[in-house]
Amino acid sequence: MKLGSSGLFLQTGRAQRMGKPGMRVVWQMVSLLAIFFAIPAWGSGAERVVPILLYHRFGPVVRDTMTVRTMVFAAQMEYLRSHGYRIVPLKEVVAYIRGVGPPPPPHSVVITADDGHQSVYTDMFPLVQHYHIPVTLFIYPSAISRASYALTWDELRIMRDSGLVDIQSHTYWHPNFKTEKKRLAPQAYEKFVAMQLEKSRAKLDQELGIKVDMLAWPFGIYDEELIKSAVAAGYIAACTMVRAPAGPSDNVMALPRYLITDQDTGKTLGRLLTTDSR
């Protein structure tokens, strides 16, 4: 016997008319279960897409294309606030795209920063605190507390403890996987990839006591083979450098991001957000 939800409600009414209260309760429960399983967990509205902004370095002057002046970053944050945009944690957008969380609010934006440059602590973090906004840092641990340009573990702990900064993996030493794939034999390359993915998670967990399950592909380089390795290593999401908003139609292991430069101010930033945040 096949019954739609309307048919189930008819059976409920029929049981009531026939003076069978026990059957009425049974049909009511069956009807509610049918409705529960028929409705998607988070509704059936239109898919929402969110721009994920990607930063690298900050400072008083533009030294390269990856540097955003600190005053420009402050102006960008002020633009987002004054125009009604809401900065949300990356993990909330990832949960939505994976189908295990609700859609983010309209006009949501995500902020990420790759590499772990020292200016993330000296220049970016004070503004993160001032605007009280969530950000995600993708770190390659081999440089931390070792390279002159890099953050220290103590600085990462301070940012972690603020509750505003989520710290995730950028592999162990930021390799170029295309180059390594040409240089190494297949078996050696497979071992190298596994080391980069697993050692990064282990080191971040050891130093910071955090759960690391998201990844930013170095140089934005990825392929199906790398994605399989990342999933096997325990990652549930990964980000690229493809310029597009992120949404449920994207592969969660290759989420697009906008590389933000010092030129992305005023109308330029506004066009990017107006076009792609909905």
C-alpha atoms as a PDB file:
ATOM      1  CA  MET A   1       0.000   0.000   0.000  1.00  0.00           C
ATOM      2  CA  LYS A   2       1.407   3.394  -1.017  1.00  0.00           C
ATOM      3  CA  LEU A   3       0.230   6.543   0.695  1.00  0.00           C
ATOM      4  CA  GLY A   4       1.427  10.137   0.334  1.00  0.00           C
ATOM      5  CA  SER A   5       1.322  12.548   3.270  1.00  0.00           C
ATOM      6  CA  SER A   6      -2.211  13.635   2.286  1.00  0.00           C
ATOM      7  CA  GLY A   7      -3.260   9.977   2.194  1.00  0.00           C
ATOM      8  CA  LEU A   8      -1.873   9.450   5.655  1.00  0.00           C
ATOM      9  CA  PHE A   9      -3.877  12.361   7.030  1.00  0.00           C
ATOM     10  CA  LEU A  10      -7.027  10.933   5.340  1.00  0.00           C
ATOM     11  CA  GLN A  11      -6.412   7.641   7.122  1.00  0.00           C
ATOM     12  CA  THR A  12      -6.090   9.549  10.408  1.00  0.00           C
ATOM     13  CA  GLY A  13      -9.468  11.237   9.874  1.00  0.00           C
ATOM     14  CA  ARG A  14     -11.089   7.948   8.819  1.00  0.00           C
ATOM     15  CA  ALA A  15      -9.869   6.238  12.011  1.00  0.00           C
ATOM     16  CA  GLN A  16     -11.313   9.092  14.057  1.00  0.00           C
ATOM     17  CA  ARG A  17     -14.733   8.844  12.309  1.00  0.00           C
ATOM     18  CA  MET A  18     -14.824   5.086  12.845  1.00  0.00           C
ATOM     19  CA  GLY A  19     -14.355   5.577  16.581  1.00  0.00           C
ATOM     20  CA  LYS A  20     -10.929   3.957  16.720  1.00  0.00           C
ATOM     21  CA  PRO A  21      -8.852   6.368  18.844  1.00  0.00           C
ATOM     22  CA  GLY A  22      -5.948   3.916  19.035  1.00  0.00           C
ATOM     23  CA  MET A  23      -5.661   3.740  15.248  1.00  0.00           C
ATOM     24  CA  ARG A  24      -5.981   7.540  15.051  1.00  0.00           C
ATOM     25  CA  VAL A  25      -2.864   7.949  17.236  1.00  0.00           C
ATOM     26  CA  VAL A  26      -0.974   5.430  15.103  1.00  0.00           C
ATOM     27  CA  TRP A  27      -1.855   7.215  11.843  1.00  0.00           C
ATOM     28  CA  GLN A  28      -0.949  10.595  13.380  1.00  0.00           C
ATOM     29  CA  MET A  29       2.518   9.287  14.300  1.00  0.00           C
ATOM     30  CA  VAL A  30       2.995   7.787  10.849  1.00  0.00           C
ATOM     31  CA  SER A  31       1.980  11.129   9.281  1.00  0.00           C
ATOM     32  CA  LEU A  32       4.462  13.097  11.387  1.00  0.00           C
ATOM     33  CA  LEU A  33       7.261  10.656  10.523  1.00  0.00           C
ATOM     34  CA  ALA A  34       6.415  10.985   6.835  1.00  0.00           C
ATOM     35  CA  ILE A  35       6.671  14.789   7.074  1.00  0.00           C
ATOM     36  CA  PHE A  36       9.919  14.602   9.049  1.00  0.00           C
ATOM     37  CA  PHE A  37      11.659  12.435   6.482  1.00  0.00           C
ATOM     38  CA  ALA A  38      10.194  14.320   3.501  1.00  0.00           C
ATOM     39  CA  ILE A  39      11.608  17.737   4.500  1.00  0.00           C
ATOM     40  CA  PRO A  40      15.368  18.366   4.017  1.00  0.00           C
ATOM     41  CA  ALA A  41      17.200  19.059   7.284  1.00  0.00           C
ATOM     42  CA  TRP A  42      17.895  22.713   6.437  1.00  0.00           C
ATOM     43  CA  GLY A  43      14.964  23.525   4.143  1.00  0.00           C
ATOM     44  CA  SER A  44      14.756  23.498   0.381  1.00  0.00           C
ATOM     45  CA  GLY A  45      15.506  27.154  -0.392  1.00  0.00           C
ATOM     46  CA  ALA A  46      17.943  28.378  -3.016  1.00  0.00           C
ATOM     47  CA  GLU A  47      21.598  27.541  -2.518  1.00  0.00           C
ATOM     48  CA  ARG A  48      23.588  30.281  -0.814  1.00  0.00           C
ATOM     49  CA  VAL A  49      27.114  31.120  -1.909  1.00  0.00           C
ATOM     50  CA  VAL A  50      29.722  32.915   0.180  1.00  0.00           C
ATOM     51  CA  PRO A  51      32.907  34.743  -0.879  1.00  0.00           C
ATOM     52  CA  ILE A  52      35.952  33.387   0.958  1.00  0.00           C
ATOM     53  CA  LEU A  53      38.638  36.089   1.051  1.00  0.00           C
ATOM     54  CA  LEU A  54      42.302  35.072   1.040  1.00  0.00           C
ATOM     55  CA  TYR A  55      45.081  37.222   2.565  1.00  0.00           C
ATOM     56  CA  HIS A  56      48.788  36.566   3.052  1.00  0.00           C
ATOM     57  CA  ARG A  57      50.833  39.475   4.433  1.00  0.00           C
ATOM     58  CA  PHE A  58      50.262  42.961   5.856  1.00  0.00           C
ATOM     59  CA  GLY A  59      52.447  46.010   6.379  1.00  0.00           C
ATOM     60  CA  PRO A  60      52.874  49.777   5.974  1.00  0.00           C
ATOM     61  CA  VAL A  61      53.914  49.502   2.297  1.00  0.00           C
ATOM     62  CA  VAL A  62      53.229  47.130  -0.592  1.00  0.00           C
ATOM     63  CA  ARG A  63      56.355  44.999  -1.027  1.00  0.00           C
ATOM     64  CA  ASP A  64      54.781  42.402  -3.352  1.00  0.00           C
ATOM     65  CA  THR A  65      51.442  41.321  -4.775  1.00  0.00           C
ATOM     66  CA  MET A  66      50.701  39.276  -1.662  1.00  0.00           C
ATOM     67  CA  THR A  67      50.977  42.262   0.696  1.00  0.00           C
ATOM     68  CA  VAL A  68      47.945  44.279   1.724  1.00  0.00           C
ATOM     69  CA  ARG A  69      48.694  47.509   3.558  1.00  0.00           C
ATOM     70  CA  THR A  70      47.398  47.386   7.101  1.00  0.00           C
ATOM     71  CA  MET A  71      45.435  50.603   6.567  1.00  0.00           C
ATOM     72  CA  VAL A  72      43.777  49.023   3.504  1.00  0.00           C
ATOM     73  CA  PHE A  73      42.830  45.894   5.462  1.00  0.00           C
ATOM     74  CA  ALA A  74      41.284  48.149   8.122  1.00  0.00           C
ATOM     75  CA  ALA A  75      39.350  50.017   5.418  1.00  0.00           C
ATOM     76  CA  GLN A  76      38.128  46.708   3.957  1.00  0.00           C
ATOM     77  CA  MET A  77      36.852  45.579   7.371  1.00  0.00           C
ATOM     78  CA  GLU A  78      35.144  48.943   7.848  1.00  0.00           C
ATOM     79  CA  TYR A  79      33.551  48.589   4.394  1.00  0.00           C
ATOM     80  CA  LEU A  80      32.156  45.160   5.313  1.00  0.00           C
ATOM     81  CA  ARG A  81      30.740  46.457   8.578  1.00  0.00           C
ATOM     82  CA  SER A  82      29.239  49.647   7.184  1.00  0.00           C
ATOM     83  CA  HIS A  83      27.618  47.821   4.236  1.00  0.00           C
ATOM     84  CA  GLY A  84      25.928  45.137   6.340  1.00  0.00           C
ATOM     85  CA  TYR A  85      28.168  42.161   5.551  1.00  0.00           C
ATOM     86  CA  ARG A  86      28.587  39.506   8.211  1.00  0.00           C
ATOM     87  CA  ILE A  87      31.925  37.770   8.641  1.00  0.00           C
ATOM     88  CA  VAL A  88      31.332  34.141   9.603  1.00  0.00           C
ATOM     89  CA  PRO A  89      33.704  31.285  10.512  1.00  0.00           C
ATOM     90  CA  LEU A  90      34.896  29.139   7.631  1.00  0.00           C
ATOM     91  CA  LYS A  91      33.852  26.000   9.512  1.00  0.00           C
ATOM     92  CA  GLU A  92      30.201  27.158   9.451  1.00  0.00           C
ATOM     93  CA  VAL A  93      30.261  27.555   5.672  1.00  0.00           C
ATOM     94  CA  VAL A  94      31.982  24.171   5.325  1.00  0.00           C
ATOM     95  CA  ALA A  95      29.284  22.547   7.490  1.00  0.00           C
ATOM     96  CA  TYR A  96      26.593  24.077   5.249  1.00  0.00           C
ATOM     97  CA  ILE A  97      28.307  22.896   2.060  1.00  0.00           C
ATOM     98  CA  ARG A  98      28.699  19.402   3.543  1.00  0.00           C
ATOM     99  CA  GLY A  99      24.980  19.354   4.347  1.00  0.00           C
ATOM    100  CA  VAL A 100      25.439  19.110   8.115  1.00  0.00           C
ATOM    101  CA  GLY A 101      24.785  22.734   9.073  1.00  0.00           C
ATOM    102  CA  PRO A 102      22.323  25.534   8.353  1.00  0.00           C
ATOM    103  CA  PRO A 103      22.895  28.064   5.573  1.00  0.00           C
ATOM    104  CA  PRO A 104      24.979  31.065   6.605  1.00  0.00           C
ATOM    105  CA  PRO A 105      23.172  34.413   6.952  1.00  0.00           C
ATOM    106  CA  PRO A 106      22.656  36.534   3.810  1.00  0.00           C
ATOM    107  CA  HIS A 107      25.669  38.650   2.838  1.00  0.00           C
ATOM    108  CA  SER A 108      28.099  36.392   4.673  1.00  0.00           C
ATOM    109  CA  VAL A 109      31.839  36.647   4.043  1.00  0.00           C
ATOM    110  CA  VAL A 110      34.712  34.426   5.245  1.00  0.00           C
ATOM    111  CA  ILE A 111      38.250  35.679   5.935  1.00  0.00           C
ATOM    112  CA  THR A 112      41.306  33.435   5.691  1.00  0.00           C
ATOM    113  CA  ALA A 113      45.071  34.060   5.726  1.00  0.00           C
ATOM    114  CA  ASP A 114      47.671  31.618   4.412  1.00  0.00           C
ATOM    115  CA  ASP A 115      51.309  30.889   5.350  1.00  0.00           C
ATOM    116  CA  GLY A 116      51.618  32.252   8.915  1.00  0.00           C
ATOM    117  CA  HIS A 117      53.514  35.462   8.185  1.00  0.00           C
ATOM    118  CA  GLN A 118      54.571  37.431  11.290  1.00  0.00           C
ATOM    119  CA  SER A 119      52.454  40.409  10.201  1.00  0.00           C
ATOM    120  CA  VAL A 120      49.345  38.304  10.773  1.00  0.00           C
ATOM    121  CA  TYR A 121      50.047  38.756  14.488  1.00  0.00           C
ATOM    122  CA  THR A 122      51.436  42.299  14.497  1.00  0.00           C
ATOM    123  CA  ASP A 123      49.053  43.901  11.965  1.00  0.00           C
ATOM    124  CA  MET A 124      46.044  41.689  11.276  1.00  0.00           C
ATOM    125  CA  PHE A 125      45.291  40.334  14.743  1.00  0.00           C
ATOM    126  CA  PRO A 126      44.759  43.756  16.434  1.00  0.00           C
ATOM    127  CA  LEU A 127      42.136  44.573  13.801  1.00  0.00           C
ATOM    128  CA  VAL A 128      40.558  41.125  14.179  1.00  0.00           C
ATOM    129  CA  GLN A 129      40.155  41.934  17.883  1.00  0.00           C
ATOM    130  CA  HIS A 130      38.932  45.471  17.198  1.00  0.00           C
ATOM    131  CA  TYR A 131      36.190  44.293  14.836  1.00  0.00           C
ATOM    132  CA  HIS A 132      35.682  41.038  16.788  1.00  0.00           C
ATOM    133  CA  ILE A 133      35.612  38.933  13.631  1.00  0.00           C
ATOM    134  CA  PRO A 134      36.376  35.238  13.111  1.00  0.00           C
ATOM    135  CA  VAL A 135      39.280  34.324  10.836  1.00  0.00           C
ATOM    136  CA  THR A 136      40.948  31.097   9.763  1.00  0.00           C
ATOM    137  CA  LEU A 137      44.730  30.809   9.435  1.00  0.00           C
ATOM    138  CA  PHE A 138      46.281  28.114   7.233  1.00  0.00           C
ATOM    139  CA  ILE A 139      49.744  27.351   8.625  1.00  0.00           C
ATOM    140  CA  TYR A 140      52.672  25.255   7.432  1.00  0.00           C
ATOM    141  CA  PRO A 141      54.342  24.239  10.716  1.00  0.00           C
ATOM    142  CA  SER A 142      57.910  23.768   9.455  1.00  0.00           C
ATOM    143  CA  ALA A 143      58.378  27.567   9.392  1.00  0.00           C
ATOM    144  CA  ILE A 144      56.805  28.402  12.768  1.00  0.00           C
ATOM    145  CA  SER A 145      59.328  29.672  15.351  1.00  0.00           C
ATOM    146  CA  ARG A 146      62.102  28.973  12.828  1.00  0.00           C
ATOM    147  CA  ALA A 147      61.864  31.296   9.812  1.00  0.00           C
ATOM    148  CA  SER A 148      62.483  35.024  10.421  1.00  0.00           C
ATOM    149  CA  TYR A 149      59.313  36.014   8.574  1.00  0.00           C
ATOM    150  CA  ALA A 150      57.044  33.541  10.347  1.00  0.00           C
ATOM    151  CA  LEU A 151      54.835  33.509  13.415  1.00  0.00           C
ATOM    152  CA  THR A 152      55.969  31.836  16.610  1.00  0.00           C
ATOM    153  CA  TRP A 153      54.110  29.087  18.431  1.00  0.00           C
ATOM    154  CA  ASP A 154      53.470  31.485  21.341  1.00  0.00           C
ATOM    155  CA  GLU A 155      51.861  34.015  18.977  1.00  0.00           C
ATOM    156  CA  LEU A 156      49.650  31.289  17.549  1.00  0.00           C
ATOM    157  CA  ARG A 157      48.643  30.245  21.078  1.00  0.00           C
ATOM    158  CA  ILE A 158      47.687  33.827  21.945  1.00  0.00           C
ATOM    159  CA  MET A 159      45.546  34.108  18.810  1.00  0.00           C
ATOM    160  CA  ARG A 160      43.988  30.671  19.420  1.00  0.00           C
ATOM    161  CA  ASP A 161      43.074  31.676  22.975  1.00  0.00           C
ATOM    162  CA  SER A 162      41.253  34.792  21.721  1.00  0.00           C
ATOM    163  CA  GLY A 163      38.490  32.530  20.426  1.00  0.00           C
ATOM    164  CA  LEU A 164      38.502  34.468  17.146  1.00  0.00           C
ATOM    165  CA  VAL A 165      41.247  32.607  15.297  1.00  0.00           C
ATOM    166  CA  ASP A 166      40.869  29.081  13.941  1.00  0.00           C
ATOM    167  CA  ILE A 167      44.165  27.473  12.911  1.00  0.00           C
ATOM    168  CA  GLN A 168      44.270  24.870  10.135  1.00  0.00           C
ATOM    169  CA  SER A 169      46.777  23.145   7.851  1.00  0.00           C
ATOM    170  CA  HIS A 170      48.675  24.423   4.818  1.00  0.00           C
ATOM    171  CA  THR A 171      50.670  21.146   4.602  1.00  0.00           C
ATOM    172  CA  TYR A 172      53.969  20.719   6.476  1.00  0.00           C
ATOM    173  CA  TRP A 173      56.327  22.860   4.397  1.00  0.00           C
ATOM    174  CA  HIS A 174      54.227  24.280   1.546  1.00  0.00           C
ATOM    175  CA  PRO A 175      55.552  22.124  -1.340  1.00  0.00           C
ATOM    176  CA  ASN A 176      54.743  22.532  -5.006  1.00  0.00           C
ATOM    177  CA  PHE A 177      53.026  19.196  -5.648  1.00  0.00           C
ATOM    178  CA  LYS A 178      53.376  19.523  -9.433  1.00  0.00           C
ATOM    179  CA  THR A 179      57.146  19.857  -9.100  1.00  0.00           C
ATOM    180  CA  GLU A 180      57.409  17.021  -6.603  1.00  0.00           C
ATOM    181  CA  LYS A 181      55.295  14.710  -8.755  1.00  0.00           C
ATOM    182  CA  LYS A 182      57.752  15.178 -11.647  1.00  0.00           C
ATOM    183  CA  ARG A 183      60.800  14.787  -9.401  1.00  0.00           C
ATOM    184  CA  LEU A 184      59.796  11.697  -7.421  1.00  0.00           C
ATOM    185  CA  ALA A 185      58.963   8.125  -8.374  1.00  0.00           C
ATOM    186  CA  PRO A 186      55.241   7.289  -7.949  1.00  0.00           C
ATOM    187  CA  GLN A 187      55.655   5.412  -4.682  1.00  0.00           C
ATOM    188  CA  ALA A 188      57.994   8.050  -3.238  1.00  0.00           C
ATOM    189  CA  TYR A 189      55.594  10.810  -4.290  1.00  0.00           C
ATOM    190  CA  GLU A 190      52.669   9.062  -2.600  1.00  0.00           C
ATOM    191  CA  LYS A 191      54.706   8.772   0.597  1.00  0.00           C
ATOM    192  CA  PHE A 192      55.756  12.428   0.342  1.00  0.00           C
ATOM    193  CA  VAL A 193      52.161  13.627  -0.023  1.00  0.00           C
ATOM    194  CA  ALA A 194      51.023  11.566   2.971  1.00  0.00           C
ATOM    195  CA  MET A 195      53.851  13.012   5.082  1.00  0.00           C
ATOM    196  CA  GLN A 196      52.968  16.598   4.138  1.00  0.00           C
ATOM    197  CA  LEU A 197      49.309  16.090   5.020  1.00  0.00           C
ATOM    198  CA  GLU A 198      49.666  13.994   8.157  1.00  0.00           C
ATOM    199  CA  LYS A 199      52.722  15.635   9.766  1.00  0.00           C
ATOM    200  CA  SER A 200      51.136  19.076   9.527  1.00  0.00           C
ATOM    201  CA  ARG A 201      48.034  17.945  11.407  1.00  0.00           C
ATOM    202  CA  ALA A 202      50.104  16.128  14.020  1.00  0.00           C
ATOM    203  CA  LYS A 203      52.439  19.091  14.652  1.00  0.00           C
ATOM    204  CA  LEU A 204      49.606  21.636  14.961  1.00  0.00           C
ATOM    205  CA  ASP A 205      47.775  19.318  17.353  1.00  0.00           C
ATOM    206  CA  GLN A 206      50.949  18.713  19.377  1.00  0.00           C
ATOM    207  CA  GLU A 207      51.793  22.422  19.752  1.00  0.00           C
ATOM    208  CA  LEU A 208      48.314  23.925  20.001  1.00  0.00           C
ATOM    209  CA  GLY A 209      46.017  21.100  21.102  1.00  0.00           C
ATOM    210  CA  ILE A 210      43.535  21.829  18.317  1.00  0.00           C
ATOM    211  CA  LYS A 211      41.453  19.779  15.918  1.00  0.00           C
ATOM    212  CA  VAL A 212      42.825  20.198  12.408  1.00  0.00           C
ATOM    213  CA  ASP A 213      40.540  18.953   9.644  1.00  0.00           C
ATOM    214  CA  MET A 214      40.714  21.681   6.985  1.00  0.00           C
ATOM    215  CA  LEU A 215      43.452  22.328   4.446  1.00  0.00           C
ATOM    216  CA  ALA A 216      44.565  25.038   2.028  1.00  0.00           C
ATOM    217  CA  TRP A 217      46.318  23.622  -1.019  1.00  0.00           C
ATOM    218  CA  PRO A 218      49.805  25.215  -1.453  1.00  0.00           C
ATOM    219  CA  PHE A 219      49.797  27.454  -4.555  1.00  0.00           C
ATOM    220  CA  GLY A 220      46.191  26.315  -5.028  1.00  0.00           C
ATOM    221  CA  ILE A 221      47.470  23.120  -6.675  1.00  0.00           C
ATOM    222  CA  TYR A 222      45.281  20.031  -6.351  1.00  0.00           C
ATOM    223  CA  ASP A 223      43.992  17.069  -8.343  1.00  0.00           C
ATOM    224  CA  GLU A 224      41.873  13.993  -7.702  1.00  0.00           C
ATOM    225  CA  GLU A 225      44.846  12.013  -6.441  1.00  0.00           C
ATOM    226  CA  LEU A 226      45.722  14.706  -3.889  1.00  0.00           C
ATOM    227  CA  ILE A 227      42.105  14.990  -2.785  1.00  0.00           C
ATOM    228  CA  LYS A 228      41.954  11.237  -2.113  1.00  0.00           C
ATOM    229  CA  SER A 229      45.136  11.490  -0.054  1.00  0.00           C
ATOM    230  CA  ALA A 230      43.765  14.447   1.925  1.00  0.00           C
ATOM    231  CA  VAL A 231      40.531  12.615   2.712  1.00  0.00           C
ATOM    232  CA  ALA A 232      42.524   9.551   3.778  1.00  0.00           C
ATOM    233  CA  ALA A 233      44.602  11.795   6.072  1.00  0.00           C
ATOM    234  CA  GLY A 234      41.458  13.004   7.849  1.00  0.00           C
ATOM    235  CA  TYR A 235      40.635  16.320   6.138  1.00  0.00           C
ATOM    236  CA  ILE A 236      36.976  17.151   5.555  1.00  0.00           C
ATOM    237  CA  ALA A 237      37.481  20.325   3.469  1.00  0.00           C
ATOM    238  CA  ALA A 238      40.160  22.097   1.459  1.00  0.00           C
ATOM    239  CA  CYS A 239      40.541  25.503  -0.193  1.00  0.00           C
ATOM    240  CA  THR A 240      41.999  26.549  -3.529  1.00  0.00           C
ATOM    241  CA  MET A 241      42.739  29.938  -5.150  1.00  0.00           C
ATOM    242  CA  VAL A 242      40.043  29.779  -7.838  1.00  0.00           C
ATOM    243  CA  ARG A 243      38.210  33.128  -7.935  1.00  0.00           C
ATOM    244  CA  ALA A 244      34.563  32.314  -7.254  1.00  0.00           C
ATOM    245  CA  PRO A 245      32.134  32.249  -4.344  1.00  0.00           C
ATOM    246  CA  ALA A 246      31.799  28.957  -2.452  1.00  0.00           C
ATOM    247  CA  GLY A 247      28.528  27.074  -2.292  1.00  0.00           C
ATOM    248  CA  PRO A 248      26.916  23.634  -2.094  1.00  0.00           C
ATOM    249  CA  SER A 249      27.605  22.933  -5.766  1.00  0.00           C
ATOM    250  CA  ASP A 250      31.370  23.069  -5.122  1.00  0.00           C
ATOM    251  CA  ASN A 251      33.590  20.131  -4.261  1.00  0.00           C
ATOM    252  CA  VAL A 252      34.171  20.632  -0.525  1.00  0.00           C
ATOM    253  CA  MET A 253      37.781  19.496  -1.046  1.00  0.00           C
ATOM    254  CA  ALA A 254      38.385  22.308  -3.576  1.00  0.00           C
ATOM    255  CA  LEU A 255      36.565  25.383  -2.289  1.00  0.00           C
ATOM    256  CA  PRO A 256      37.251  28.580  -4.253  1.00  0.00           C
ATOM    257  CA  ARG A 257      38.667  31.731  -2.649  1.00  0.00           C
ATOM    258  CA  TYR A 258      39.352  35.303  -3.745  1.00  0.00           C
ATOM    259  CA  LEU A 259      42.986  36.375  -3.430  1.00  0.00           C
ATOM    260  CA  ILE A 260      42.665  39.893  -2.016  1.00  0.00           C
ATOM    261  CA  THR A 261      45.273  42.481  -2.998  1.00  0.00           C
ATOM    262  CA  ASP A 262      46.012  46.035  -1.950  1.00  0.00           C
ATOM    263  CA  GLN A 263      43.988  47.219  -4.958  1.00  0.00           C
ATOM    264  CA  ASP A 264      40.726  45.678  -3.714  1.00  0.00           C
ATOM    265  CA  THR A 265      39.274  48.766  -2.116  1.00  0.00           C
ATOM    266  CA  GLY A 266      36.080  50.776  -2.404  1.00  0.00           C
ATOM    267  CA  LYS A 267      34.128  50.026  -5.576  1.00  0.00           C
ATOM    268  CA  THR A 268      36.430  47.152  -6.561  1.00  0.00           C
ATOM    269  CA  LEU A 269      35.765  45.275  -3.326  1.00  0.00           C
ATOM    270  CA  GLY A 270      32.126  46.287  -3.455  1.00  0.00           C
ATOM    271  CA  ARG A 271      31.652  44.839  -6.957  1.00  0.00           C
ATOM    272  CA  LEU A 272      33.197  41.546  -5.896  1.00  0.00           C
ATOM    273  CA  LEU A 273      30.935  41.262  -2.873  1.00  0.00           C
ATOM    274  CA  THR A 274      27.799  42.621  -4.530  1.00  0.00           C
ATOM    275  CA  THR A 275      28.125  40.289  -7.468  1.00  0.00           C
ATOM    276  CA  ASP A 276      28.908  37.144  -5.581  1.00  0.00           C
ATOM    277  CA  SER A 277      27.404  37.403  -2.080  1.00  0.00           C
ATOM    278  CA  ARG A 278      23.694  36.591  -2.111  1.00  0.00           C
END
